Amino acid sequence: MEFIKASEIKELSNPGVVSRQLLNPENSSSERVTITEVHLIPGAVQPRHTHDASEQIWYATKGSGKLLLADGKEKEFKAGDVARFADKDVHGLLNDGDGEFIYVSVTAPPINFGYAYKDKR
């Protein structure tokens, strides 16, 4: 069994975005998933990107925004919605709402997301 105290959860951040690394290769021996809680302030964006060898499931828990998809497409994404991205699917997020947007991401197989963020706490 693994147990991770709230005080031991690392946060990665970029302007307007905080990513809480709930379960990841640095705090878990899991070889199957990374679980992340992501917070975006109004106007914040996670640019379009892909993951070559991992799929992601995003579960929106608070707020509303737009998924940024391939070919410049966008799709409304709000609390209660779930989105799944296969390997190499283009995805990103824009918080165009007037409040904080929060989603939980499950990534399989695991990724250490430290490379994607400027600040680590």
Protein backbone atom coordinates (compact mmCIF):
# COMPACT_ATOMS: atom_id res chain seq x y z
CA MET A 1 0.00 0.00 0.00
CA GLU A 2 1.11 3.53 -0.72
CA PHE A 3 -0.16 6.58 1.16
CA ILE A 4 0.64 10.13 0.09
CA LYS A 5 0.01 12.92 2.58
CA ALA A 6 -1.48 16.14 1.24
CA SER A 7 1.60 17.98 2.52
CA GLU A 8 3.81 15.78 0.31
CA ILE A 9 1.98 16.46 -2.97
CA LYS A 10 4.15 18.52 -5.31
CA GLU A 11 2.76 21.36 -7.38
CA LEU A 12 4.00 22.32 -10.82
CA SER A 13 3.00 25.66 -12.28
CA ASN A 14 2.99 27.83 -15.35
CA PRO A 15 1.36 31.27 -15.53
CA GLY A 16 -2.28 30.80 -14.51
CA VAL A 17 -2.00 27.01 -14.16
CA VAL A 18 -1.21 24.86 -11.09
CA SER A 19 -0.86 21.11 -11.52
CA ARG A 20 -1.02 19.07 -8.30
CA GLN A 21 0.86 15.80 -8.85
CA LEU A 22 -1.36 13.47 -6.80
CA LEU A 23 0.18 10.21 -8.02
CA ASN A 24 3.21 10.22 -10.28
CA PRO A 25 6.55 8.47 -10.84
CA GLU A 26 8.21 10.60 -8.14
CA ASN A 27 5.85 9.64 -5.29
CA SER A 28 4.54 6.24 -6.39
CA SER A 29 5.83 2.96 -7.73
CA SER A 30 2.77 2.65 -9.99
CA GLU A 31 3.72 1.71 -13.52
CA ARG A 32 0.17 2.17 -14.79
CA VAL A 33 -1.14 5.70 -14.06
CA THR A 34 -0.38 9.29 -13.19
CA ILE A 35 -3.18 11.24 -11.48
CA THR A 36 -3.10 15.02 -11.56
CA GLU A 37 -5.43 17.79 -10.34
CA VAL A 38 -5.14 20.86 -12.56
CA HIS A 39 -6.34 24.40 -11.67
CA LEU A 40 -6.62 27.19 -14.24
CA ILE A 41 -7.50 30.79 -13.44
CA PRO A 42 -9.84 32.64 -15.84
CA GLY A 43 -8.08 33.32 -19.12
CA ALA A 44 -5.37 30.71 -18.54
CA VAL A 45 -4.52 28.27 -21.30
CA GLN A 46 -2.79 24.94 -21.64
CA PRO A 47 -1.63 25.02 -25.25
CA ARG A 48 -2.44 22.25 -27.70
CA HIS A 49 -0.06 19.31 -27.32
CA THR A 50 0.15 15.52 -27.69
CA HIS A 51 1.55 12.57 -25.74
CA ASP A 52 3.25 10.04 -27.99
CA ALA A 53 2.76 6.95 -25.84
CA SER A 54 0.14 7.74 -23.19
CA GLU A 55 -3.60 8.28 -23.17
CA GLN A 56 -5.34 10.75 -20.85
CA ILE A 57 -8.77 10.98 -19.31
CA TRP A 58 -9.87 14.41 -18.05
CA TYR A 59 -12.74 14.79 -15.59
CA ALA A 60 -13.90 18.40 -15.14
CA THR A 61 -14.87 19.07 -11.51
CA LYS A 62 -15.37 22.86 -11.48
CA GLY A 63 -16.00 25.62 -14.02
CA SER A 64 -16.32 25.70 -17.77
CA GLY A 65 -13.89 26.15 -20.62
CA LYS A 66 -12.97 24.96 -24.08
CA LEU A 67 -11.01 21.91 -25.13
CA LEU A 68 -8.45 22.88 -27.74
CA LEU A 69 -8.36 20.11 -30.35
CA ALA A 70 -6.66 19.28 -33.65
CA ASP A 71 -7.12 21.47 -36.71
CA GLY A 72 -8.06 24.52 -34.61
CA LYS A 73 -11.27 22.90 -33.37
CA GLU A 74 -12.71 23.62 -29.92
CA LYS A 75 -15.31 21.87 -27.77
CA GLU A 76 -17.16 23.12 -24.68
CA PHE A 77 -15.93 21.37 -21.50
CA LYS A 78 -17.64 21.91 -18.14
CA ALA A 79 -17.93 20.43 -14.65
CA GLY A 80 -19.19 16.86 -14.85
CA ASP A 81 -17.86 16.24 -18.38
CA VAL A 82 -15.24 13.59 -19.19
CA ALA A 83 -12.87 13.65 -22.17
CA ARG A 84 -10.53 10.87 -23.27
CA PHE A 85 -7.51 11.50 -25.49
CA ALA A 86 -5.78 8.56 -27.17
CA ASP A 87 -2.03 8.50 -27.80
CA LYS A 88 -1.07 11.36 -30.16
CA ASP A 89 -4.50 13.09 -29.91
CA VAL A 90 -4.08 16.87 -29.95
CA HIS A 91 -5.53 18.43 -26.81
CA GLY A 92 -5.31 21.56 -24.66
CA LEU A 93 -7.61 23.73 -22.57
CA LEU A 94 -8.69 27.37 -22.41
CA ASN A 95 -10.47 28.63 -19.31
CA ASP A 96 -12.76 31.15 -20.96
CA GLY A 97 -15.13 31.13 -17.98
CA ASP A 98 -15.29 33.73 -15.23
CA GLY A 99 -14.13 31.43 -12.41
CA GLU A 100 -11.47 28.85 -11.66
CA PHE A 101 -11.52 25.70 -13.80
CA ILE A 102 -10.45 22.41 -12.18
CA TYR A 103 -10.07 18.99 -13.74
CA VAL A 104 -8.57 15.66 -12.71
CA SER A 105 -6.37 13.92 -15.25
CA VAL A 106 -5.53 10.22 -15.37
CA THR A 107 -2.58 9.37 -17.62
CA ALA A 108 -1.64 5.83 -18.61
CA PRO A 109 1.09 4.79 -18.74
CA PRO A 110 2.51 7.32 -16.27
CA ILE A 111 4.29 10.50 -17.29
CA ASN A 112 6.45 12.73 -15.12
CA PHE A 113 5.12 16.15 -16.14
CA GLY A 114 7.99 18.18 -14.66
CA TYR A 115 9.27 18.90 -18.16
CA ALA A 116 6.12 20.87 -19.03
CA TYR A 117 6.15 23.35 -16.14
CA LYS A 118 8.41 26.26 -15.23
CA ASP A 119 7.99 26.19 -11.43
CA LYS A 120 8.10 23.19 -9.12
CA ARG A 121 7.06 23.31 -5.44
